Amino acid sequence: LSTDSQLLFSTQKIEGQWYIVRFESIYEQ
C-alpha cells in the first residue's frame, strides 16, 4: 500500500529551538 501525500508541518522557534506545533496531511492518491 503506497499513499502519496503532502505532509504539512507548522513549526515555531521557542527558546532558541524550532519545534513542531502542528502536523497535518493532504492526501493525493
PDB file of all heavy atoms in Angstrom:
ATOM      1  N   LEU A   1       0.861  -1.176   0.000  1.00  0.00           N
ATOM      2  CA  LEU A   1       0.000   0.000   0.000  1.00  0.00           C
ATOM      3  C   LEU A   1       0.900   1.229   0.000  1.00  0.00           C
ATOM      4  O   LEU A   1       1.719   1.411   0.903  1.00  0.00           O
ATOM      5  CB  LEU A   1      -0.895   0.006   1.239  1.00  0.00           C
ATOM      6  CG  LEU A   1      -1.680   1.294   1.500  1.00  0.00           C
ATOM      7  CD1 LEU A   1      -2.689   1.546   0.388  1.00  0.00           C
ATOM      8  CD2 LEU A   1      -2.362   1.245   2.861  1.00  0.00           C
ATOM      9  N   SER A   2       0.776   2.077  -1.020  1.00  0.00           N
ATOM     10  CA  SER A   2       1.560   3.302  -1.122  1.00  0.00           C
ATOM     11  C   SER A   2       0.616   4.483  -1.191  1.00  0.00           C
ATOM     12  O   SER A   2      -0.302   4.502  -2.031  1.00  0.00           O
ATOM     13  CB  SER A   2       2.461   3.281  -2.361  1.00  0.00           C
ATOM     14  OG  SER A   2       3.372   2.204  -2.311  1.00  0.00           O
ATOM     15  N   THR A   3       0.819   5.450  -0.318  1.00  0.00           N
ATOM     16  CA  THR A   3      -0.051   6.621  -0.251  1.00  0.00           C
ATOM     17  C   THR A   3       0.773   7.878  -0.451  1.00  0.00           C
ATOM     18  O   THR A   3       1.664   8.181   0.353  1.00  0.00           O
ATOM     19  CB  THR A   3      -0.760   6.687   1.121  1.00  0.00           C
ATOM     20  OG1 THR A   3      -1.462   5.470   1.358  1.00  0.00           O
ATOM     21  CG2 THR A   3      -1.738   7.850   1.156  1.00  0.00           C
ATOM     22  N   ASP A   4       0.500   8.614  -1.530  1.00  0.00           N
ATOM     23  CA  ASP A   4       1.187   9.874  -1.801  1.00  0.00           C
ATOM     24  C   ASP A   4       0.467  11.004  -1.071  1.00  0.00           C
ATOM     25  O   ASP A   4      -0.768  11.128  -1.161  1.00  0.00           O
ATOM     26  CB  ASP A   4       1.198  10.175  -3.300  1.00  0.00           C
ATOM     27  CG  ASP A   4       1.994   9.144  -4.086  1.00  0.00           C
ATOM     28  OD1 ASP A   4       2.940   8.563  -3.511  1.00  0.00           O
ATOM     29  OD2 ASP A   4       1.664   8.910  -5.262  1.00  0.00           O
ATOM     30  N   SER A   5       1.240  11.821  -0.370  1.00  0.00           N
ATOM     31  CA  SER A   5       0.614  12.896   0.398  1.00  0.00           C
ATOM     32  C   SER A   5       1.549  14.080   0.562  1.00  0.00           C
ATOM     33  O   SER A   5       2.762  13.976   0.336  1.00  0.00           O
ATOM     34  CB  SER A   5       0.198  12.387   1.785  1.00  0.00           C
ATOM     35  OG  SER A   5       1.335  11.950   2.512  1.00  0.00           O
ATOM     36  N   GLN A   6       0.955  15.203   0.938  1.00  0.00           N
ATOM     37  CA  GLN A   6       1.711  16.376   1.358  1.00  0.00           C
ATOM     38  C   GLN A   6       1.669  16.411   2.882  1.00  0.00           C
ATOM     39  O   GLN A   6       0.590  16.485   3.469  1.00  0.00           O
ATOM     40  CB  GLN A   6       1.090  17.658   0.800  1.00  0.00           C
ATOM     41  CG  GLN A   6       1.036  17.755  -0.709  1.00  0.00           C
ATOM     42  CD  GLN A   6       0.360  19.024  -1.170  1.00  0.00           C
ATOM     43  OE1 GLN A   6       0.441  20.066  -0.520  1.00  0.00           O
ATOM     44  NE2 GLN A   6      -0.329  18.952  -2.297  1.00  0.00           N
ATOM     45  N   LEU A   7       2.824  16.334   3.513  1.00  0.00           N
ATOM     46  CA  LEU A   7       2.895  16.437   4.960  1.00  0.00           C
ATOM     47  C   LEU A   7       3.134  17.896   5.312  1.00  0.00           C
ATOM     48  O   LEU A   7       4.085  18.515   4.832  1.00  0.00           O
ATOM     49  CB  LEU A   7       4.016  15.557   5.508  1.00  0.00           C
ATOM     50  CG  LEU A   7       3.961  14.081   5.103  1.00  0.00           C
ATOM     51  CD1 LEU A   7       5.088  13.302   5.782  1.00  0.00           C
ATOM     52  CD2 LEU A   7       2.614  13.469   5.439  1.00  0.00           C
ATOM     53  N   LEU A   8       2.277  18.455   6.138  1.00  0.00           N
ATOM     54  CA  LEU A   8       2.295  19.884   6.438  1.00  0.00           C
ATOM     55  C   LEU A   8       2.755  20.096   7.880  1.00  0.00           C
ATOM     56  O   LEU A   8       2.083  19.675   8.825  1.00  0.00           O
ATOM     57  CB  LEU A   8       0.910  20.485   6.243  1.00  0.00           C
ATOM     58  CG  LEU A   8       0.207  20.135   4.918  1.00  0.00           C
ATOM     59  CD1 LEU A   8      -1.221  20.638   4.923  1.00  0.00           C
ATOM     60  CD2 LEU A   8       0.974  20.698   3.734  1.00  0.00           C
ATOM     61  N   PHE A   9       3.891  20.744   8.027  1.00  0.00           N
ATOM     62  CA  PHE A   9       4.458  20.988   9.350  1.00  0.00           C
ATOM     63  C   PHE A   9       4.436  22.488   9.650  1.00  0.00           C
ATOM     64  O   PHE A   9       5.062  23.269   8.932  1.00  0.00           O
ATOM     65  CB  PHE A   9       5.897  20.496   9.434  1.00  0.00           C
ATOM     66  CG  PHE A   9       6.043  19.004   9.335  1.00  0.00           C
ATOM     67  CD1 PHE A   9       6.211  18.390   8.101  1.00  0.00           C
ATOM     68  CD2 PHE A   9       6.028  18.212  10.469  1.00  0.00           C
ATOM     69  CE1 PHE A   9       6.362  17.009   8.002  1.00  0.00           C
ATOM     70  CE2 PHE A   9       6.177  16.834  10.388  1.00  0.00           C
ATOM     71  CZ  PHE A   9       6.340  16.230   9.153  1.00  0.00           C
ATOM     72  N   SER A  10       3.728  22.875  10.699  1.00  0.00           N
ATOM     73  CA  SER A  10       3.829  24.233  11.225  1.00  0.00           C
ATOM     74  C   SER A  10       4.842  24.188  12.358  1.00  0.00           C
ATOM     75  O   SER A  10       4.703  23.384  13.288  1.00  0.00           O
ATOM     76  CB  SER A  10       2.476  24.711  11.757  1.00  0.00           C
ATOM     77  OG  SER A  10       1.503  24.712  10.724  1.00  0.00           O
ATOM     78  N   THR A  11       5.885  25.001  12.259  1.00  0.00           N
ATOM     79  CA  THR A  11       6.931  24.992  13.271  1.00  0.00           C
ATOM     80  C   THR A  11       7.105  26.378  13.871  1.00  0.00           C
ATOM     81  O   THR A  11       6.771  27.388  13.239  1.00  0.00           O
ATOM     82  CB  THR A  11       8.271  24.510  12.686  1.00  0.00           C
ATOM     83  OG1 THR A  11       8.615  25.316  11.552  1.00  0.00           O
ATOM     84  CG2 THR A  11       8.184  23.052  12.263  1.00  0.00           C
ATOM     85  N   GLN A  12       7.633  26.413  15.083  1.00  0.00           N
ATOM     86  CA  GLN A  12       7.831  27.683  15.778  1.00  0.00           C
ATOM     87  C   GLN A  12       9.122  27.623  16.579  1.00  0.00           C
ATOM     88  O   GLN A  12       9.458  26.584  17.163  1.00  0.00           O
ATOM     89  CB  GLN A  12       6.650  27.977  16.697  1.00  0.00           C
ATOM     90  CG  GLN A  12       6.646  29.384  17.261  1.00  0.00           C
ATOM     91  CD  GLN A  12       5.288  29.780  17.822  1.00  0.00           C
ATOM     92  OE1 GLN A  12       4.348  28.990  17.800  1.00  0.00           O
ATOM     93  NE2 GLN A  12       5.176  30.991  18.312  1.00  0.00           N
ATOM     94  N   LYS A  13       9.833  28.734  16.594  1.00  0.00           N
ATOM     95  CA  LYS A  13      11.065  28.821  17.365  1.00  0.00           C
ATOM     96  C   LYS A  13      10.727  29.230  18.785  1.00  0.00           C
ATOM     97  O   LYS A  13      10.187  30.320  19.018  1.00  0.00           O
ATOM     98  CB  LYS A  13      12.028  29.816  16.724  1.00  0.00           C
ATOM     99  CG  LYS A  13      13.469  29.668  17.200  1.00  0.00           C
ATOM    100  CD  LYS A  13      14.407  30.521  16.373  1.00  0.00           C
ATOM    101  CE  LYS A  13      15.862  30.197  16.687  1.00  0.00           C
ATOM    102  NZ  LYS A  13      16.805  31.011  15.873  1.00  0.00           N
ATOM    103  N   ILE A  14      11.021  28.333  19.722  1.00  0.00           N
ATOM    104  CA  ILE A  14      10.678  28.535  21.127  1.00  0.00           C
ATOM    105  C   ILE A  14      11.954  28.400  21.946  1.00  0.00           C
ATOM    106  O   ILE A  14      12.609  27.359  21.918  1.00  0.00           O
ATOM    107  CB  ILE A  14       9.633  27.510  21.595  1.00  0.00           C
ATOM    108  CG1 ILE A  14       8.373  27.591  20.712  1.00  0.00           C
ATOM    109  CG2 ILE A  14       9.276  27.711  23.060  1.00  0.00           C
ATOM    110  CD1 ILE A  14       7.394  26.461  20.939  1.00  0.00           C
ATOM    111  N   GLU A  15      12.310  29.460  22.636  1.00  0.00           N
ATOM    112  CA  GLU A  15      13.514  29.471  23.470  1.00  0.00           C
ATOM    113  C   GLU A  15      14.743  29.017  22.685  1.00  0.00           C
ATOM    114  O   GLU A  15      15.554  28.213  23.149  1.00  0.00           O
ATOM    115  CB  GLU A  15      13.313  28.609  24.722  1.00  0.00           C
ATOM    116  CG  GLU A  15      12.208  29.127  25.640  1.00  0.00           C
ATOM    117  CD  GLU A  15      12.029  28.266  26.878  1.00  0.00           C
ATOM    118  OE1 GLU A  15      12.678  27.211  26.969  1.00  0.00           O
ATOM    119  OE2 GLU A  15      11.256  28.673  27.767  1.00  0.00           O
ATOM    120  N   GLY A  16      14.838  29.540  21.454  1.00  0.00           N
ATOM    121  CA  GLY A  16      16.027  29.307  20.647  1.00  0.00           C
ATOM    122  C   GLY A  16      16.041  28.042  19.815  1.00  0.00           C
ATOM    123  O   GLY A  16      16.984  27.814  19.053  1.00  0.00           O
ATOM    124  N   GLN A  17      14.990  27.208  19.918  1.00  0.00           N
ATOM    125  CA  GLN A  17      14.934  25.963  19.165  1.00  0.00           C
ATOM    126  C   GLN A  17      13.615  25.862  18.394  1.00  0.00           C
ATOM    127  O   GLN A  17      12.574  26.305  18.880  1.00  0.00           O
ATOM    128  CB  GLN A  17      15.057  24.753  20.101  1.00  0.00           C
ATOM    129  CG  GLN A  17      16.420  24.621  20.776  1.00  0.00           C
ATOM    130  CD  GLN A  17      17.516  24.244  19.802  1.00  0.00           C
ATOM    131  OE1 GLN A  17      17.273  23.638  18.762  1.00  0.00           O
ATOM    132  NE2 GLN A  17      18.755  24.602  20.146  1.00  0.00           N
ATOM    133  N   TRP A  18      13.671  25.257  17.201  1.00  0.00           N
ATOM    134  CA  TRP A  18      12.464  25.043  16.419  1.00  0.00           C
ATOM    135  C   TRP A  18      11.748  23.778  16.890  1.00  0.00           C
ATOM    136  O   TRP A  18      12.383  22.755  17.155  1.00  0.00           O
ATOM    137  CB  TRP A  18      12.801  24.909  14.934  1.00  0.00           C
ATOM    138  CG  TRP A  18      13.221  26.199  14.316  1.00  0.00           C
ATOM    139  CD1 TRP A  18      14.500  26.668  14.156  1.00  0.00           C
ATOM    140  CD2 TRP A  18      12.358  27.215  13.778  1.00  0.00           C
ATOM    141  NE1 TRP A  18      14.485  27.895  13.558  1.00  0.00           N
ATOM    142  CE2 TRP A  18      13.197  28.260  13.317  1.00  0.00           C
ATOM    143  CE3 TRP A  18      10.981  27.339  13.651  1.00  0.00           C
ATOM    144  CZ2 TRP A  18      12.683  29.410  12.725  1.00  0.00           C
ATOM    145  CZ3 TRP A  18      10.472  28.479  13.059  1.00  0.00           C
ATOM    146  CH2 TRP A  18      11.314  29.504  12.610  1.00  0.00           C
ATOM    147  N   TYR A  19      10.419  23.867  16.987  1.00  0.00           N
ATOM    148  CA  TYR A  19       9.585  22.737  17.380  1.00  0.00           C
ATOM    149  C   TYR A  19       8.385  22.638  16.437  1.00  0.00           C
ATOM    150  O   TYR A  19       7.926  23.643  15.882  1.00  0.00           O
ATOM    151  CB  TYR A  19       9.059  22.898  18.810  1.00  0.00           C
ATOM    152  CG  TYR A  19      10.110  22.803  19.879  1.00  0.00           C
ATOM    153  CD1 TYR A  19      10.773  23.950  20.324  1.00  0.00           C
ATOM    154  CD2 TYR A  19      10.440  21.581  20.456  1.00  0.00           C
ATOM    155  CE1 TYR A  19      11.751  23.873  21.309  1.00  0.00           C
ATOM    156  CE2 TYR A  19      11.416  21.492  21.450  1.00  0.00           C
ATOM    157  CZ  TYR A  19      12.062  22.640  21.866  1.00  0.00           C
ATOM    158  OH  TYR A  19      13.027  22.558  22.849  1.00  0.00           O
ATOM    159  N   ILE A  20       7.859  21.442  16.289  1.00  0.00           N
ATOM    160  CA  ILE A  20       6.628  21.235  15.522  1.00  0.00           C
ATOM    161  C   ILE A  20       5.449  21.592  16.412  1.00  0.00           C
ATOM    162  O   ILE A  20       5.295  21.047  17.508  1.00  0.00           O
ATOM    163  CB  ILE A  20       6.511  19.774  15.055  1.00  0.00           C
ATOM    164  CG1 ILE A  20       7.683  19.405  14.154  1.00  0.00           C
ATOM    165  CG2 ILE A  20       5.174  19.542  14.331  1.00  0.00           C
ATOM    166  CD1 ILE A  20       7.823  17.916  13.905  1.00  0.00           C
ATOM    167  N   VAL A  21       4.608  22.521  15.951  1.00  0.00           N
ATOM    168  CA  VAL A  21       3.436  22.902  16.725  1.00  0.00           C
ATOM    169  C   VAL A  21       2.150  22.338  16.114  1.00  0.00           C
ATOM    170  O   VAL A  21       1.112  22.254  16.790  1.00  0.00           O
ATOM    171  CB  VAL A  21       3.320  24.433  16.876  1.00  0.00           C
ATOM    172  CG1 VAL A  21       4.493  24.975  17.668  1.00  0.00           C
ATOM    173  CG2 VAL A  21       3.227  25.127  15.515  1.00  0.00           C
ATOM    174  N   ARG A  22       2.227  21.964  14.836  1.00  0.00           N
ATOM    175  CA  ARG A  22       1.056  21.376  14.179  1.00  0.00           C
ATOM    176  C   ARG A  22       1.538  20.500  13.015  1.00  0.00           C
ATOM    177  O   ARG A  22       2.464  20.871  12.299  1.00  0.00           O
ATOM    178  CB  ARG A  22       0.100  22.455  13.670  1.00  0.00           C
ATOM    179  CG  ARG A  22      -1.271  21.930  13.261  1.00  0.00           C
ATOM    180  CD  ARG A  22      -2.207  23.080  12.926  1.00  0.00           C
ATOM    181  NE  ARG A  22      -3.532  22.629  12.542  1.00  0.00           N
ATOM    182  CZ  ARG A  22      -4.567  22.500  13.357  1.00  0.00           C
ATOM    183  NH1 ARG A  22      -4.433  22.810  14.626  1.00  0.00           N
ATOM    184  NH2 ARG A  22      -5.736  22.076  12.925  1.00  0.00           N
ATOM    185  N   PHE A  23       0.896  19.350  12.869  1.00  0.00           N
ATOM    186  CA  PHE A  23       1.260  18.415  11.811  1.00  0.00           C
ATOM    187  C   PHE A  23      -0.015  17.888  11.185  1.00  0.00           C
ATOM    188  O   PHE A  23      -0.873  17.336  11.865  1.00  0.00           O
ATOM    189  CB  PHE A  23       2.103  17.269  12.398  1.00  0.00           C
ATOM    190  CG  PHE A  23       2.350  16.124  11.448  1.00  0.00           C
ATOM    191  CD1 PHE A  23       2.627  16.342  10.106  1.00  0.00           C
ATOM    192  CD2 PHE A  23       2.324  14.818  11.904  1.00  0.00           C
ATOM    193  CE1 PHE A  23       2.864  15.289   9.238  1.00  0.00           C
ATOM    194  CE2 PHE A  23       2.559  13.748  11.054  1.00  0.00           C
ATOM    195  CZ  PHE A  23       2.823  13.984   9.712  1.00  0.00           C
ATOM    196  N   GLU A  24      -0.153  18.085   9.861  1.00  0.00           N
ATOM    197  CA  GLU A  24      -1.353  17.678   9.132  1.00  0.00           C
ATOM    198  C   GLU A  24      -0.941  17.045   7.813  1.00  0.00           C
ATOM    199  O   GLU A  24       0.237  16.983   7.478  1.00  0.00           O
ATOM    200  CB  GLU A  24      -2.258  18.886   8.887  1.00  0.00           C
ATOM    201  CG  GLU A  24      -2.675  19.602  10.159  1.00  0.00           C
ATOM    202  CD  GLU A  24      -3.140  21.024   9.889  1.00  0.00           C
ATOM    203  OE1 GLU A  24      -2.264  21.906   9.772  1.00  0.00           O
ATOM    204  OE2 GLU A  24      -4.354  21.237   9.812  1.00  0.00           O
ATOM    205  N   SER A  25      -1.928  16.599   7.055  1.00  0.00           N
ATOM    206  CA  SER A  25      -1.619  15.963   5.776  1.00  0.00           C
ATOM    207  C   SER A  25      -2.708  16.247   4.756  1.00  0.00           C
ATOM    208  O   SER A  25      -3.894  16.365   5.103  1.00  0.00           O
ATOM    209  CB  SER A  25      -1.469  14.448   5.978  1.00  0.00           C
ATOM    210  OG  SER A  25      -1.056  13.825   4.782  1.00  0.00           O
ATOM    211  N   ILE A  26      -2.286  16.376   3.501  1.00  0.00           N
ATOM    212  CA  ILE A  26      -3.208  16.442   2.366  1.00  0.00           C
ATOM    213  C   ILE A  26      -2.959  15.185   1.538  1.00  0.00           C
ATOM    214  O   ILE A  26      -1.822  14.924   1.112  1.00  0.00           O
ATOM    215  CB  ILE A  26      -2.962  17.697   1.505  1.00  0.00           C
ATOM    216  CG1 ILE A  26      -3.288  18.961   2.292  1.00  0.00           C
ATOM    217  CG2 ILE A  26      -3.800  17.630   0.220  1.00  0.00           C
ATOM    218  CD1 ILE A  26      -2.923  20.246   1.564  1.00  0.00           C
ATOM    219  N   TYR A  27      -3.989  14.402   1.312  1.00  0.00           N
ATOM    220  CA  TYR A  27      -3.837  13.132   0.609  1.00  0.00           C
ATOM    221  C   TYR A  27      -4.084  13.326  -0.886  1.00  0.00           C
ATOM    222  O   TYR A  27      -5.000  14.039  -1.292  1.00  0.00           O
ATOM    223  CB  TYR A  27      -4.778  12.087   1.212  1.00  0.00           C
ATOM    224  CG  TYR A  27      -4.396  11.789   2.642  1.00  0.00           C
ATOM    225  CD1 TYR A  27      -4.965  12.502   3.699  1.00  0.00           C
ATOM    226  CD2 TYR A  27      -3.414  10.846   2.926  1.00  0.00           C
ATOM    227  CE1 TYR A  27      -4.571  12.269   5.009  1.00  0.00           C
ATOM    228  CE2 TYR A  27      -3.016  10.606   4.234  1.00  0.00           C
ATOM    229  CZ  TYR A  27      -3.596  11.318   5.267  1.00  0.00           C
ATOM    230  OH  TYR A  27      -3.195  11.096   6.561  1.00  0.00           O
ATOM    231  N   GLU A  28      -3.252  12.675  -1.698  1.00  0.00           N
ATOM    232  CA  GLU A  28      -3.313  12.865  -3.144  1.00  0.00           C
ATOM    233  C   GLU A  28      -3.834  11.627  -3.870  1.00  0.00           C
ATOM    234  O   GLU A  28      -4.824  11.695  -4.591  1.00  0.00           O
ATOM    235  CB  GLU A  28      -1.919  13.240  -3.666  1.00  0.00           C
ATOM    236  CG  GLU A  28      -1.417  14.566  -3.103  1.00  0.00           C
ATOM    237  CD  GLU A  28      -0.058  14.964  -3.643  1.00  0.00           C
ATOM    238  OE1 GLU A  28       0.684  14.070  -4.107  1.00  0.00           O
ATOM    239  OE2 GLU A  28       0.258  16.164  -3.621  1.00  0.00           O
ATOM    240  N   GLN A  29      -3.157  10.500  -3.689  1.00  0.00           N
ATOM    241  CA  GLN A  29      -3.585   9.263  -4.352  1.00  0.00           C
ATOM    242  C   GLN A  29      -2.904   8.089  -3.664  1.00  0.00           C
ATOM    243  O   GLN A  29      -1.919   8.257  -2.949  1.00  0.00           O
ATOM    244  CB  GLN A  29      -3.210   9.282  -5.839  1.00  0.00           C
ATOM    245  CG  GLN A  29      -1.713   9.366  -6.089  1.00  0.00           C
ATOM    246  CD  GLN A  29      -1.359   9.418  -7.553  1.00  0.00           C
ATOM    247  OE1 GLN A  29      -2.219   9.403  -8.432  1.00  0.00           O
ATOM    248  NE2 GLN A  29      -0.072   9.457  -7.862  1.00  0.00           N
TER     249      GLN A  29
END
